[in-house]
Amino acid sequence: MATAGDLHERFSFDRPDTAELPGGVTKPGWVQAHQCRAQTIYRRGTEVVEASRGEGRAVFKLRIRQCSAARSITPAYRARDLRRGLPAGETGDPLPGTRYNITEVDAISDRQWIFIVIEGGKAA
């Protein structure tokens, strides 16, 4: 059984957003929607996961606490590991941390936890 002591990592979840620049031009970007502690669980076994590893992409499962902000996370969001990665962000993106795509969100299997499958190596 998971406890709060298992939540060693710090993750942020960003939703897509667009900024309007002068002249009516819109620029896609990200806005931080939720930040919390998380437990990373190494995924293994499925054919899709093994294929991803063969392409150099890491696949993990995150366990975070249930709350209204966490329940709003969808696969359209992205995850950022705030303990790793660049402190000042990447080119054109000032938010810090390593970026991951969210491929699956399970908020109904457990009343206390939300499980999020993330994939690294190709996040926007």
PDB file of N, CA and C in Angstrom:
ATOM      1  N   MET A   1       0.834  -1.177   0.000  1.00  0.00           N
ATOM      2  CA  MET A   1       0.000   0.000   0.000  1.00  0.00           C
ATOM      3  C   MET A   1       0.885   1.249   0.000  1.00  0.00           C
ATOM      4  N   ALA A   2       0.554   2.192  -0.821  1.00  0.00           N
ATOM      5  CA  ALA A   2       1.330   3.425  -0.937  1.00  0.00           C
ATOM      6  C   ALA A   2       1.006   4.363   0.220  1.00  0.00           C
ATOM      7  N   THR A   3       2.034   5.086   0.652  1.00  0.00           N
ATOM      8  CA  THR A   3       1.857   6.093   1.696  1.00  0.00           C
ATOM      9  C   THR A   3       2.444   7.407   1.214  1.00  0.00           C
ATOM     10  N   ALA A   4       2.209   8.457   1.961  1.00  0.00           N
ATOM     11  CA  ALA A   4       2.746   9.770   1.595  1.00  0.00           C
ATOM     12  C   ALA A   4       4.270   9.749   1.568  1.00  0.00           C
ATOM     13  N   GLY A   5       4.901   8.878   2.341  1.00  0.00           N
ATOM     14  CA  GLY A   5       6.354   8.774   2.359  1.00  0.00           C
ATOM     15  C   GLY A   5       6.940   8.246   1.062  1.00  0.00           C
ATOM     16  N   ASP A   6       6.121   7.648   0.207  1.00  0.00           N
ATOM     17  CA  ASP A   6       6.583   7.132  -1.083  1.00  0.00           C
ATOM     18  C   ASP A   6       6.664   8.221  -2.153  1.00  0.00           C
ATOM     19  N   LEU A   7       6.133   9.396  -1.866  1.00  0.00           N
ATOM     20  CA  LEU A   7       6.081  10.477  -2.858  1.00  0.00           C
ATOM     21  C   LEU A   7       7.369  11.288  -2.801  1.00  0.00           C
ATOM     22  N   HIS A   8       8.428  10.764  -3.424  1.00  0.00           N
ATOM     23  CA  HIS A   8       9.752  11.374  -3.352  1.00  0.00           C
ATOM     24  C   HIS A   8      10.011  12.415  -4.439  1.00  0.00           C
ATOM     25  N   GLU A   9       9.262  12.370  -5.513  1.00  0.00           N
ATOM     26  CA  GLU A   9       9.519  13.244  -6.659  1.00  0.00           C
ATOM     27  C   GLU A   9       8.585  14.445  -6.634  1.00  0.00           C
ATOM     28  N   ARG A  10       8.950  15.481  -7.403  1.00  0.00           N
ATOM     29  CA  ARG A  10       8.108  16.673  -7.523  1.00  0.00           C
ATOM     30  C   ARG A  10       7.822  16.887  -9.005  1.00  0.00           C
ATOM     31  N   PHE A  11       6.533  16.869  -9.346  1.00  0.00           N
ATOM     32  CA  PHE A  11       6.117  17.023 -10.738  1.00  0.00           C
ATOM     33  C   PHE A  11       5.165  18.190 -10.885  1.00  0.00           C
ATOM     34  N   SER A  12       5.202  18.778 -12.061  1.00  0.00           N
ATOM     35  CA  SER A  12       4.271  19.825 -12.433  1.00  0.00           C
ATOM     36  C   SER A  12       3.526  19.335 -13.666  1.00  0.00           C
ATOM     37  N   PHE A  13       2.265  19.721 -13.770  1.00  0.00           N
ATOM     38  CA  PHE A  13       1.448  19.346 -14.912  1.00  0.00           C
ATOM     39  C   PHE A  13       0.988  20.625 -15.587  1.00  0.00           C
ATOM     40  N   ASP A  14       1.295  20.744 -16.872  1.00  0.00           N
ATOM     41  CA  ASP A  14       1.028  21.957 -17.645  1.00  0.00           C
ATOM     42  C   ASP A  14      -0.056  21.693 -18.668  1.00  0.00           C
ATOM     43  N   ARG A  15      -0.954  22.665 -18.816  1.00  0.00           N
ATOM     44  CA  ARG A  15      -1.982  22.575 -19.844  1.00  0.00           C
ATOM     45  C   ARG A  15      -1.563  23.427 -21.036  1.00  0.00           C
ATOM     46  N   PRO A  16      -1.980  23.031 -22.237  1.00  0.00           N
ATOM     47  CA  PRO A  16      -1.646  23.837 -23.415  1.00  0.00           C
ATOM     48  C   PRO A  16      -2.382  25.170 -23.373  1.00  0.00           C
ATOM     49  N   ASP A  17      -1.721  26.198 -23.890  1.00  0.00           N
ATOM     50  CA  ASP A  17      -2.279  27.537 -23.893  1.00  0.00           C
ATOM     51  C   ASP A  17      -1.711  28.274 -25.102  1.00  0.00           C
ATOM     52  N   THR A  18      -2.399  29.299 -25.535  1.00  0.00           N
ATOM     53  CA  THR A  18      -1.877  30.118 -26.620  1.00  0.00           C
ATOM     54  C   THR A  18      -1.757  31.554 -26.137  1.00  0.00           C
ATOM     55  N   ALA A  19      -0.688  32.195 -26.569  1.00  0.00           N
ATOM     56  CA  ALA A  19      -0.466  33.600 -26.234  1.00  0.00           C
ATOM     57  C   ALA A  19      -0.684  34.421 -27.498  1.00  0.00           C
ATOM     58  N   GLU A  20      -1.387  35.525 -27.353  1.00  0.00           N
ATOM     59  CA  GLU A  20      -1.621  36.386 -28.503  1.00  0.00           C
ATOM     60  C   GLU A  20      -0.549  37.458 -28.546  1.00  0.00           C
ATOM     61  N   LEU A  21       0.158  37.501 -29.650  1.00  0.00           N
ATOM     62  CA  LEU A  21       1.232  38.467 -29.862  1.00  0.00           C
ATOM     63  C   LEU A  21       0.691  39.660 -30.651  1.00  0.00           C
ATOM     64  N   PRO A  22       1.430  40.757 -30.667  1.00  0.00           N
ATOM     65  CA  PRO A  22       0.985  41.907 -31.462  1.00  0.00           C
ATOM     66  C   PRO A  22       0.778  41.515 -32.924  1.00  0.00           C
ATOM     67  N   GLY A  23      -0.228  42.077 -33.519  1.00  0.00           N
ATOM     68  CA  GLY A  23      -0.532  41.774 -34.914  1.00  0.00           C
ATOM     69  C   GLY A  23      -1.493  40.609 -35.069  1.00  0.00           C
ATOM     70  N   GLY A  24      -2.030  40.114 -33.951  1.00  0.00           N
ATOM     71  CA  GLY A  24      -2.995  39.027 -34.023  1.00  0.00           C
ATOM     72  C   GLY A  24      -2.390  37.650 -34.169  1.00  0.00           C
ATOM     73  N   VAL A  25      -1.078  37.533 -34.064  1.00  0.00           N
ATOM     74  CA  VAL A  25      -0.413  36.239 -34.182  1.00  0.00           C
ATOM     75  C   VAL A  25      -0.538  35.500 -32.854  1.00  0.00           C
ATOM     76  N   THR A  26      -0.860  34.220 -32.909  1.00  0.00           N
ATOM     77  CA  THR A  26      -0.935  33.424 -31.688  1.00  0.00           C
ATOM     78  C   THR A  26       0.256  32.478 -31.625  1.00  0.00           C
ATOM     79  N   LYS A  27       0.761  32.302 -30.431  1.00  0.00           N
ATOM     80  CA  LYS A  27       1.920  31.438 -30.205  1.00  0.00           C
ATOM     81  C   LYS A  27       1.513  30.351 -29.206  1.00  0.00           C
ATOM     82  N   PRO A  28       1.665  29.066 -29.586  1.00  0.00           N
ATOM     83  CA  PRO A  28       1.316  28.012 -28.640  1.00  0.00           C
ATOM     84  C   PRO A  28       2.324  27.954 -27.495  1.00  0.00           C
ATOM     85  N   GLY A  29       1.841  27.597 -26.319  1.00  0.00           N
ATOM     86  CA  GLY A  29       2.708  27.502 -25.158  1.00  0.00           C
ATOM     87  C   GLY A  29       2.065  26.646 -24.085  1.00  0.00           C
ATOM     88  N   TRP A  30       2.614  26.741 -22.880  1.00  0.00           N
ATOM     89  CA  TRP A  30       2.144  25.931 -21.752  1.00  0.00           C
ATOM     90  C   TRP A  30       1.962  26.804 -20.522  1.00  0.00           C
ATOM     91  N   VAL A  31       0.969  26.453 -19.701  1.00  0.00           N
ATOM     92  CA  VAL A  31       0.716  27.129 -18.434  1.00  0.00           C
ATOM     93  C   VAL A  31       0.645  26.061 -17.351  1.00  0.00           C
ATOM     94  N   GLN A  32       1.351  26.289 -16.259  1.00  0.00           N
ATOM     95  CA  GLN A  32       1.335  25.329 -15.161  1.00  0.00           C
ATOM     96  C   GLN A  32      -0.065  25.268 -14.544  1.00  0.00           C
ATOM     97  N   ALA A  33      -0.619  24.060 -14.449  1.00  0.00           N
ATOM     98  CA  ALA A  33      -1.963  23.886 -13.905  1.00  0.00           C
ATOM     99  C   ALA A  33      -1.951  23.251 -12.521  1.00  0.00           C
ATOM    100  N   HIS A  34      -0.965  22.402 -12.243  1.00  0.00           N
ATOM    101  CA  HIS A  34      -0.937  21.684 -10.959  1.00  0.00           C
ATOM    102  C   HIS A  34       0.498  21.258 -10.669  1.00  0.00           C
ATOM    103  N   GLN A  35       0.877  21.345  -9.401  1.00  0.00           N
ATOM    104  CA  GLN A  35       2.209  20.902  -8.965  1.00  0.00           C
ATOM    105  C   GLN A  35       2.024  20.055  -7.719  1.00  0.00           C
ATOM    106  N   CYS A  36       2.698  18.903  -7.651  1.00  0.00           N
ATOM    107  CA  CYS A  36       2.520  18.027  -6.503  1.00  0.00           C
ATOM    108  C   CYS A  36       3.692  17.058  -6.371  1.00  0.00           C
ATOM    109  N   ARG A  37       3.692  16.339  -5.262  1.00  0.00           N
ATOM    110  CA  ARG A  37       4.639  15.257  -5.030  1.00  0.00           C
ATOM    111  C   ARG A  37       4.124  14.021  -5.761  1.00  0.00           C
ATOM    112  N   ALA A  38       5.041  13.162  -6.201  1.00  0.00           N
ATOM    113  CA  ALA A  38       4.644  11.971  -6.949  1.00  0.00           C
ATOM    114  C   ALA A  38       5.596  10.825  -6.662  1.00  0.00           C
ATOM    115  N   GLN A  39       5.113   9.626  -6.917  1.00  0.00           N
ATOM    116  CA  GLN A  39       5.948   8.439  -6.873  1.00  0.00           C
ATOM    117  C   GLN A  39       6.097   7.941  -8.299  1.00  0.00           C
ATOM    118  N   THR A  40       7.334   7.702  -8.728  1.00  0.00           N
ATOM    119  CA  THR A  40       7.548   7.144 -10.060  1.00  0.00           C
ATOM    120  C   THR A  40       7.628   5.631  -9.936  1.00  0.00           C
ATOM    121  N   ILE A  41       6.938   4.967 -10.834  1.00  0.00           N
ATOM    122  CA  ILE A  41       6.911   3.507 -10.867  1.00  0.00           C
ATOM    123  C   ILE A  41       7.412   3.094 -12.243  1.00  0.00           C
ATOM    124  N   TYR A  42       8.466   2.281 -12.253  1.00  0.00           N
ATOM    125  CA  TYR A  42       9.050   1.818 -13.503  1.00  0.00           C
ATOM    126  C   TYR A  42       8.077   0.881 -14.201  1.00  0.00           C
ATOM    127  N   ARG A  43       7.761   1.160 -15.463  1.00  0.00           N
ATOM    128  CA  ARG A  43       6.845   0.303 -16.232  1.00  0.00           C
ATOM    129  C   ARG A  43       7.633  -0.747 -16.965  1.00  0.00           C
ATOM    130  N   ARG A  44       7.141  -1.945 -16.955  1.00  0.00           N
ATOM    131  CA  ARG A  44       7.808  -3.007 -17.700  1.00  0.00           C
ATOM    132  C   ARG A  44       6.784  -3.994 -18.216  1.00  0.00           C
ATOM    133  N   GLY A  45       7.191  -4.740 -19.201  1.00  0.00           N
ATOM    134  CA  GLY A  45       6.384  -5.879 -19.601  1.00  0.00           C
ATOM    135  C   GLY A  45       5.639  -5.793 -20.912  1.00  0.00           C
ATOM    136  N   THR A  46       4.923  -4.725 -21.199  1.00  0.00           N
ATOM    137  CA  THR A  46       4.092  -4.741 -22.404  1.00  0.00           C
ATOM    138  C   THR A  46       4.940  -4.525 -23.653  1.00  0.00           C
ATOM    139  N   GLU A  47       4.405  -4.978 -24.743  1.00  0.00           N
ATOM    140  CA  GLU A  47       5.105  -4.861 -26.015  1.00  0.00           C
ATOM    141  C   GLU A  47       5.311  -3.397 -26.409  1.00  0.00           C
ATOM    142  N   VAL A  48       4.329  -2.559 -26.143  1.00  0.00           N
ATOM    143  CA  VAL A  48       4.423  -1.141 -26.470  1.00  0.00           C
ATOM    144  C   VAL A  48       5.536  -0.481 -25.649  1.00  0.00           C
ATOM    145  N   VAL A  49       5.611  -0.814 -24.371  1.00  0.00           N
ATOM    146  CA  VAL A  49       6.645  -0.250 -23.500  1.00  0.00           C
ATOM    147  C   VAL A  49       8.026  -0.679 -23.982  1.00  0.00           C
ATOM    148  N   GLU A  50       8.174  -1.950 -24.321  1.00  0.00           N
ATOM    149  CA  GLU A  50       9.465  -2.447 -24.809  1.00  0.00           C
ATOM    150  C   GLU A  50       9.846  -1.771 -26.128  1.00  0.00           C
ATOM    151  N   ALA A  51       8.880  -1.540 -27.010  1.00  0.00           N
ATOM    152  CA  ALA A  51       9.156  -0.850 -28.274  1.00  0.00           C
ATOM    153  C   ALA A  51       9.599   0.586 -28.017  1.00  0.00           C
ATOM    154  N   SER A  52       8.976   1.250 -27.053  1.00  0.00           N
ATOM    155  CA  SER A  52       9.361   2.618 -26.712  1.00  0.00           C
ATOM    156  C   SER A  52      10.794   2.674 -26.213  1.00  0.00           C
ATOM    157  N   ARG A  53      11.166   1.708 -25.388  1.00  0.00           N
ATOM    158  CA  ARG A  53      12.545   1.673 -24.882  1.00  0.00           C
ATOM    159  C   ARG A  53      13.535   1.459 -26.017  1.00  0.00           C
ATOM    160  N   GLY A  54      13.145   0.641 -26.997  1.00  0.00           N
ATOM    161  CA  GLY A  54      14.011   0.409 -28.148  1.00  0.00           C
ATOM    162  C   GLY A  54      14.239   1.687 -28.945  1.00  0.00           C
ATOM    163  N   GLU A  55      13.305   2.613 -28.879  1.00  0.00           N
ATOM    164  CA  GLU A  55      13.433   3.899 -29.565  1.00  0.00           C
ATOM    165  C   GLU A  55      14.052   4.961 -28.670  1.00  0.00           C
ATOM    166  N   GLY A  56      14.474   4.599 -27.463  1.00  0.00           N
ATOM    167  CA  GLY A  56      15.126   5.547 -26.565  1.00  0.00           C
ATOM    168  C   GLY A  56      14.185   6.405 -25.750  1.00  0.00           C
ATOM    169  N   ARG A  57      12.921   5.987 -25.612  1.00  0.00           N
ATOM    170  CA  ARG A  57      11.957   6.746 -24.819  1.00  0.00           C
ATOM    171  C   ARG A  57      11.699   6.018 -23.511  1.00  0.00           C
ATOM    172  N   ALA A  58      11.717   6.753 -22.417  1.00  0.00           N
ATOM    173  CA  ALA A  58      11.448   6.184 -21.105  1.00  0.00           C
ATOM    174  C   ALA A  58       9.948   6.222 -20.838  1.00  0.00           C
ATOM    175  N   VAL A  59       9.404   5.133 -20.307  1.00  0.00           N
ATOM    176  CA  VAL A  59       7.988   5.068 -19.966  1.00  0.00           C
ATOM    177  C   VAL A  59       7.879   4.777 -18.474  1.00  0.00           C
ATOM    178  N   PHE A  60       7.164   5.636 -17.753  1.00  0.00           N
ATOM    179  CA  PHE A  60       6.979   5.492 -16.315  1.00  0.00           C
ATOM    180  C   PHE A  60       5.508   5.683 -15.979  1.00  0.00           C
ATOM    181  N   LYS A  61       5.153   5.235 -14.787  1.00  0.00           N
ATOM    182  CA  LYS A  61       3.829   5.512 -14.243  1.00  0.00           C
ATOM    183  C   LYS A  61       4.044   6.385 -13.013  1.00  0.00           C
ATOM    184  N   LEU A  62       3.253   7.429 -12.881  1.00  0.00           N
ATOM    185  CA  LEU A  62       3.282   8.299 -11.704  1.00  0.00           C
ATOM    186  C   LEU A  62       2.081   7.994 -10.836  1.00  0.00           C
ATOM    187  N   ARG A  63       2.282   8.073  -9.532  1.00  0.00           N
ATOM    188  CA  ARG A  63       1.175   7.975  -8.585  1.00  0.00           C
ATOM    189  C   ARG A  63       1.121   9.304  -7.848  1.00  0.00           C
ATOM    190  N   ILE A  64      -0.030   9.995  -7.941  1.00  0.00           N
ATOM    191  CA  ILE A  64      -0.209  11.264  -7.235  1.00  0.00           C
ATOM    192  C   ILE A  64      -1.510  11.195  -6.440  1.00  0.00           C
ATOM    193  N   ARG A  65      -1.633  12.083  -5.467  1.00  0.00           N
ATOM    194  CA  ARG A  65      -2.849  12.110  -4.641  1.00  0.00           C
ATOM    195  C   ARG A  65      -4.034  12.672  -5.414  1.00  0.00           C
ATOM    196  N   GLN A  66      -5.215  12.151  -5.107  1.00  0.00           N
ATOM    197  CA  GLN A  66      -6.451  12.663  -5.690  1.00  0.00           C
ATOM    198  C   GLN A  66      -6.745  14.056  -5.144  1.00  0.00           C
ATOM    199  N   CYS A  67      -7.132  14.968  -5.987  1.00  0.00           N
ATOM    200  CA  CYS A  67      -7.671  16.273  -5.623  1.00  0.00           C
ATOM    201  C   CYS A  67      -8.347  16.825  -6.873  1.00  0.00           C
ATOM    202  N   SER A  68      -9.082  17.891  -6.746  1.00  0.00           N
ATOM    203  CA  SER A  68      -9.810  18.401  -7.912  1.00  0.00           C
ATOM    204  C   SER A  68      -8.864  18.858  -9.026  1.00  0.00           C
ATOM    205  N   ALA A  69      -7.739  19.469  -8.664  1.00  0.00           N
ATOM    206  CA  ALA A  69      -6.776  19.905  -9.682  1.00  0.00           C
ATOM    207  C   ALA A  69      -6.144  18.705 -10.382  1.00  0.00           C
ATOM    208  N   ALA A  70      -5.842  17.659  -9.637  1.00  0.00           N
ATOM    209  CA  ALA A  70      -5.236  16.462 -10.231  1.00  0.00           C
ATOM    210  C   ALA A  70      -6.235  15.744 -11.139  1.00  0.00           C
ATOM    211  N   ARG A  71      -7.499  15.756 -10.784  1.00  0.00           N
ATOM    212  CA  ARG A  71      -8.512  15.099 -11.619  1.00  0.00           C
ATOM    213  C   ARG A  71      -8.727  15.829 -12.942  1.00  0.00           C
ATOM    214  N   SER A  72      -8.282  17.066 -13.052  1.00  0.00           N
ATOM    215  CA  SER A  72      -8.434  17.802 -14.309  1.00  0.00           C
ATOM    216  C   SER A  72      -7.338  17.466 -15.323  1.00  0.00           C
ATOM    217  N   ILE A  73      -6.313  16.731 -14.926  1.00  0.00           N
ATOM    218  CA  ILE A  73      -5.213  16.370 -15.831  1.00  0.00           C
ATOM    219  C   ILE A  73      -5.724  15.415 -16.899  1.00  0.00           C
ATOM    220  N   THR A  74      -5.372  15.696 -18.151  1.00  0.00           N
ATOM    221  CA  THR A  74      -5.756  14.858 -19.285  1.00  0.00           C
ATOM    222  C   THR A  74      -4.506  14.540 -20.105  1.00  0.00           C
ATOM    223  N   PRO A  75      -4.609  13.628 -21.074  1.00  0.00           N
ATOM    224  CA  PRO A  75      -3.458  13.360 -21.947  1.00  0.00           C
ATOM    225  C   PRO A  75      -3.031  14.560 -22.800  1.00  0.00           C
ATOM    226  N   ALA A  76      -3.853  15.608 -22.881  1.00  0.00           N
ATOM    227  CA  ALA A  76      -3.452  16.820 -23.607  1.00  0.00           C
ATOM    228  C   ALA A  76      -2.421  17.622 -22.816  1.00  0.00           C
ATOM    229  N   TYR A  77      -2.333  17.388 -21.519  1.00  0.00           N
ATOM    230  CA  TYR A  77      -1.356  18.072 -20.671  1.00  0.00           C
ATOM    231  C   TYR A  77       0.028  17.457 -20.886  1.00  0.00           C
ATOM    232  N   ARG A  78       1.019  18.065 -20.261  1.00  0.00           N
ATOM    233  CA  ARG A  78       2.345  17.463 -20.209  1.00  0.00           C
ATOM    234  C   ARG A  78       2.802  17.459 -18.757  1.00  0.00           C
ATOM    235  N   ALA A  79       3.764  16.611 -18.463  1.00  0.00           N
ATOM    236  CA  ALA A  79       4.327  16.530 -17.110  1.00  0.00           C
ATOM    237  C   ALA A  79       5.759  17.037 -17.147  1.00  0.00           C
ATOM    238  N   ARG A  80       6.163  17.691 -16.051  1.00  0.00           N
ATOM    239  CA  ARG A  80       7.561  18.133 -15.917  1.00  0.00           C
ATOM    240  C   ARG A  80       8.115  17.628 -14.594  1.00  0.00           C
ATOM    241  N   ASP A  81       9.272  16.992 -14.654  1.00  0.00           N
ATOM    242  CA  ASP A  81       9.979  16.551 -13.458  1.00  0.00           C
ATOM    243  C   ASP A  81      10.794  17.737 -12.970  1.00  0.00           C
ATOM    244  N   LEU A  82      10.400  18.326 -11.850  1.00  0.00           N
ATOM    245  CA  LEU A  82      11.033  19.553 -11.373  1.00  0.00           C
ATOM    246  C   LEU A  82      12.376  19.313 -10.687  1.00  0.00           C
ATOM    247  N   ARG A  83      12.715  18.069 -10.388  1.00  0.00           N
ATOM    248  CA  ARG A  83      13.994  17.776  -9.737  1.00  0.00           C
ATOM    249  C   ARG A  83      15.097  17.486 -10.749  1.00  0.00           C
ATOM    250  N   ARG A  84      14.733  17.343 -12.013  1.00  0.00           N
ATOM    251  CA  ARG A  84      15.711  17.041 -13.060  1.00  0.00           C
ATOM    252  C   ARG A  84      15.476  17.981 -14.241  1.00  0.00           C
ATOM    253  N   GLY A  85      16.469  18.103 -15.081  1.00  0.00           N
ATOM    254  CA  GLY A  85      16.315  18.949 -16.260  1.00  0.00           C
ATOM    255  C   GLY A  85      16.880  20.333 -16.046  1.00  0.00           C
ATOM    256  N   LEU A  86      16.671  21.177 -17.017  1.00  0.00           N
ATOM    257  CA  LEU A  86      17.214  22.522 -16.997  1.00  0.00           C
ATOM    258  C   LEU A  86      16.447  23.418 -16.034  1.00  0.00           C
ATOM    259  N   PRO A  87      17.144  24.182 -15.171  1.00  0.00           N
ATOM    260  CA  PRO A  87      16.456  25.040 -14.207  1.00  0.00           C
ATOM    261  C   PRO A  87      15.754  26.234 -14.836  1.00  0.00           C
ATOM    262  N   ALA A  88      16.208  26.667 -15.998  1.00  0.00           N
ATOM    263  CA  ALA A  88      15.603  27.831 -16.647  1.00  0.00           C
ATOM    264  C   ALA A  88      14.810  27.428 -17.881  1.00  0.00           C
ATOM    265  N   GLY A  89      14.484  26.156 -18.012  1.00  0.00           N
ATOM    266  CA  GLY A  89      13.683  25.709 -19.144  1.00  0.00           C
ATOM    267  C   GLY A  89      14.505  25.393 -20.366  1.00  0.00           C
ATOM    268  N   GLU A  90      13.798  25.119 -21.450  1.00  0.00           N
ATOM    269  CA  GLU A  90      14.424  24.790 -22.721  1.00  0.00           C
ATOM    270  C   GLU A  90      14.189  25.927 -23.701  1.00  0.00           C
ATOM    271  N   THR A  91      14.753  25.817 -24.860  1.00  0.00           N
ATOM    272  CA  THR A  91      14.657  26.867 -25.864  1.00  0.00           C
ATOM    273  C   THR A  91      13.210  27.261 -26.121  1.00  0.00           C
ATOM    274  N   GLY A  92      12.893  28.514 -25.873  1.00  0.00           N
ATOM    275  CA  GLY A  92      11.556  29.025 -26.112  1.00  0.00           C
ATOM    276  C   GLY A  92      10.531  28.659 -25.049  1.00  0.00           C
ATOM    277  N   ASP A  93      10.924  27.907 -24.047  1.00  0.00           N
ATOM    278  CA  ASP A  93      10.009  27.490 -22.985  1.00  0.00           C
ATOM    279  C   ASP A  93      10.695  27.749 -21.645  1.00  0.00           C
ATOM    280  N   PRO A  94      10.290  28.775 -20.911  1.00  0.00           N
ATOM    281  CA  PRO A  94      11.004  29.165 -19.691  1.00  0.00           C
ATOM    282  C   PRO A  94      10.740  28.271 -18.482  1.00  0.00           C
ATOM    283  N   LEU A  95       9.763  27.368 -18.553  1.00  0.00           N
ATOM    284  CA  LEU A  95       9.440  26.535 -17.394  1.00  0.00           C
ATOM    285  C   LEU A  95      10.537  25.495 -17.151  1.00  0.00           C
ATOM    286  N   PRO A  96      10.957  25.310 -15.902  1.00  0.00           N
ATOM    287  CA  PRO A  96      12.059  24.385 -15.605  1.00  0.00           C
ATOM    288  C   PRO A  96      11.621  22.921 -15.623  1.00  0.00           C
ATOM    289  N   GLY A  97      12.609  22.027 -15.724  1.00  0.00           N
ATOM    290  CA  GLY A  97      12.365  20.595 -15.575  1.00  0.00           C
ATOM    291  C   GLY A  97      12.391  19.813 -16.869  1.00  0.00           C
ATOM    292  N   THR A  98      12.445  18.498 -16.707  1.00  0.00           N
ATOM    293  CA  THR A  98      12.420  17.563 -17.825  1.00  0.00           C
ATOM    294  C   THR A  98      10.980  17.331 -18.244  1.00  0.00           C
ATOM    295  N   ARG A  99      10.713  17.384 -19.530  1.00  0.00           N
ATOM    296  CA  ARG A  99       9.350  17.274 -20.044  1.00  0.00           C
ATOM    297  C   ARG A  99       8.991  15.832 -20.408  1.00  0.00           C
ATOM    298  N   TYR A 100       7.726  15.483 -20.175  1.00  0.00           N
ATOM    299  CA  TYR A 100       7.197  14.166 -20.525  1.00  0.00           C
ATOM    300  C   TYR A 100       5.810  14.328 -21.126  1.00  0.00           C
ATOM    301  N   ASN A 101       5.494  13.500 -22.114  1.00  0.00           N
ATOM    302  CA  ASN A 101       4.134  13.422 -22.635  1.00  0.00           C
ATOM    303  C   ASN A 101       3.302  12.568 -21.698  1.00  0.00           C
ATOM    304  N   ILE A 102       2.061  12.915 -21.522  1.00  0.00           N
ATOM    305  CA  ILE A 102       1.135  12.101 -20.750  1.00  0.00           C
ATOM    306  C   ILE A 102       0.361  11.252 -21.743  1.00  0.00           C
ATOM    307  N   THR A 103       0.430   9.920 -21.580  1.00  0.00           N
ATOM    308  CA  THR A 103      -0.249   9.034 -22.516  1.00  0.00           C
ATOM    309  C   THR A 103      -1.526   8.436 -21.947  1.00  0.00           C
ATOM    310  N   GLU A 104      -1.650   8.409 -20.605  1.00  0.00           N
ATOM    311  CA  GLU A 104      -2.833   7.810 -19.997  1.00  0.00           C
ATOM    312  C   GLU A 104      -3.027   8.378 -18.599  1.00  0.00           C
ATOM    313  N   VAL A 105      -4.282   8.628 -18.230  1.00  0.00           N
ATOM    314  CA  VAL A 105      -4.617   9.118 -16.896  1.00  0.00           C
ATOM    315  C   VAL A 105      -5.719   8.219 -16.333  1.00  0.00           C
ATOM    316  N   ASP A 106      -5.456   7.627 -15.163  1.00  0.00           N
ATOM    317  CA  ASP A 106      -6.434   6.763 -14.504  1.00  0.00           C
ATOM    318  C   ASP A 106      -6.803   7.383 -13.166  1.00  0.00           C
ATOM    319  N   ALA A 107      -7.961   8.037 -13.114  1.00  0.00           N
ATOM    320  CA  ALA A 107      -8.418   8.688 -11.891  1.00  0.00           C
ATOM    321  C   ALA A 107      -9.578   7.950 -11.240  1.00  0.00           C
ATOM    322  N   ILE A 108      -9.943   6.760 -11.752  1.00  0.00           N
ATOM    323  CA  ILE A 108     -11.118   6.075 -11.215  1.00  0.00           C
ATOM    324  C   ILE A 108     -10.814   4.736 -10.543  1.00  0.00           C
ATOM    325  N   SER A 109      -9.627   4.169 -10.717  1.00  0.00           N
ATOM    326  CA  SER A 109      -9.321   2.860 -10.131  1.00  0.00           C
ATOM    327  C   SER A 109      -9.158   2.901  -8.624  1.00  0.00           C
ATOM    328  N   ASP A 110      -8.720   4.032  -8.096  1.00  0.00           N
ATOM    329  CA  ASP A 110      -8.408   4.150  -6.677  1.00  0.00           C
ATOM    330  C   ASP A 110      -8.978   5.464  -6.163  1.00  0.00           C
ATOM    331  N   ARG A 111      -9.567   5.446  -5.002  1.00  0.00           N
ATOM    332  CA  ARG A 111     -10.175   6.657  -4.449  1.00  0.00           C
ATOM    333  C   ARG A 111      -9.156   7.647  -3.915  1.00  0.00           C
ATOM    334  N   GLN A 112      -7.952   7.183  -3.587  1.00  0.00           N
ATOM    335  CA  GLN A 112      -6.930   8.056  -3.010  1.00  0.00           C
ATOM    336  C   GLN A 112      -5.894   8.529  -4.015  1.00  0.00           C
ATOM    337  N   TRP A 113      -5.675   7.771  -5.080  1.00  0.00           N
ATOM    338  CA  TRP A 113      -4.561   8.028  -5.983  1.00  0.00           C
ATOM    339  C   TRP A 113      -5.017   8.177  -7.426  1.00  0.00           C
ATOM    340  N   ILE A 114      -4.238   8.928  -8.189  1.00  0.00           N
ATOM    341  CA  ILE A 114      -4.383   9.009  -9.642  1.00  0.00           C
ATOM    342  C   ILE A 114      -3.096   8.444 -10.228  1.00  0.00           C
ATOM    343  N   PHE A 115      -3.234   7.581 -11.227  1.00  0.00           N
ATOM    344  CA  PHE A 115      -2.090   6.991 -11.893  1.00  0.00           C
ATOM    345  C   PHE A 115      -1.972   7.612 -13.280  1.00  0.00           C
ATOM    346  N   ILE A 116      -0.772   8.093 -13.604  1.00  0.00           N
ATOM    347  CA  ILE A 116      -0.537   8.784 -14.874  1.00  0.00           C
ATOM    348  C   ILE A 116       0.642   8.109 -15.563  1.00  0.00           C
ATOM    349  N   VAL A 117       0.438   7.668 -16.801  1.00  0.00           N
ATOM    350  CA  VAL A 117       1.517   7.087 -17.583  1.00  0.00           C
ATOM    351  C   VAL A 117       2.170   8.211 -18.376  1.00  0.00           C
ATOM    352  N   ILE A 118       3.497   8.331 -18.218  1.00  0.00           N
ATOM    353  CA  ILE A 118       4.242   9.382 -18.923  1.00  0.00           C
ATOM    354  C   ILE A 118       5.304   8.735 -19.792  1.00  0.00           C
ATOM    355  N   GLU A 119       5.656   9.447 -20.853  1.00  0.00           N
ATOM    356  CA  GLU A 119       6.649   8.967 -21.796  1.00  0.00           C
ATOM    357  C   GLU A 119       7.619  10.095 -22.110  1.00  0.00           C
ATOM    358  N   GLY A 120       8.886   9.843 -21.959  1.00  0.00           N
ATOM    359  CA  GLY A 120       9.902  10.856 -22.223  1.00  0.00           C
ATOM    360  C   GLY A 120      10.515  10.695 -23.593  1.00  0.00           C
ATOM    361  N   GLY A 121      11.239  11.711 -23.989  1.00  0.00           N
ATOM    362  CA  GLY A 121      11.976  11.635 -25.239  1.00  0.00           C
ATOM    363  C   GLY A 121      11.320  12.308 -26.406  1.00  0.00           C
ATOM    364  N   LYS A 122      10.045  12.718 -26.273  1.00  0.00           N
ATOM    365  CA  LYS A 122       9.381  13.388 -27.402  1.00  0.00           C
ATOM    366  C   LYS A 122       8.387  14.441 -26.959  1.00  0.00           C
ATOM    367  N   ALA A 123       8.428  14.842 -25.708  1.00  0.00           N
ATOM    368  CA  ALA A 123       7.472  15.843 -25.218  1.00  0.00           C
ATOM    369  C   ALA A 123       7.707  17.174 -25.877  1.00  0.00           C
ATOM    370  N   ALA A 124       6.631  17.885 -26.139  1.00  0.00           N
ATOM    371  CA  ALA A 124       6.724  19.200 -26.784  1.00  0.00           C
ATOM    372  C   ALA A 124       7.266  20.235 -25.830  1.00  0.00           C
TER     373      ALA A 124
END
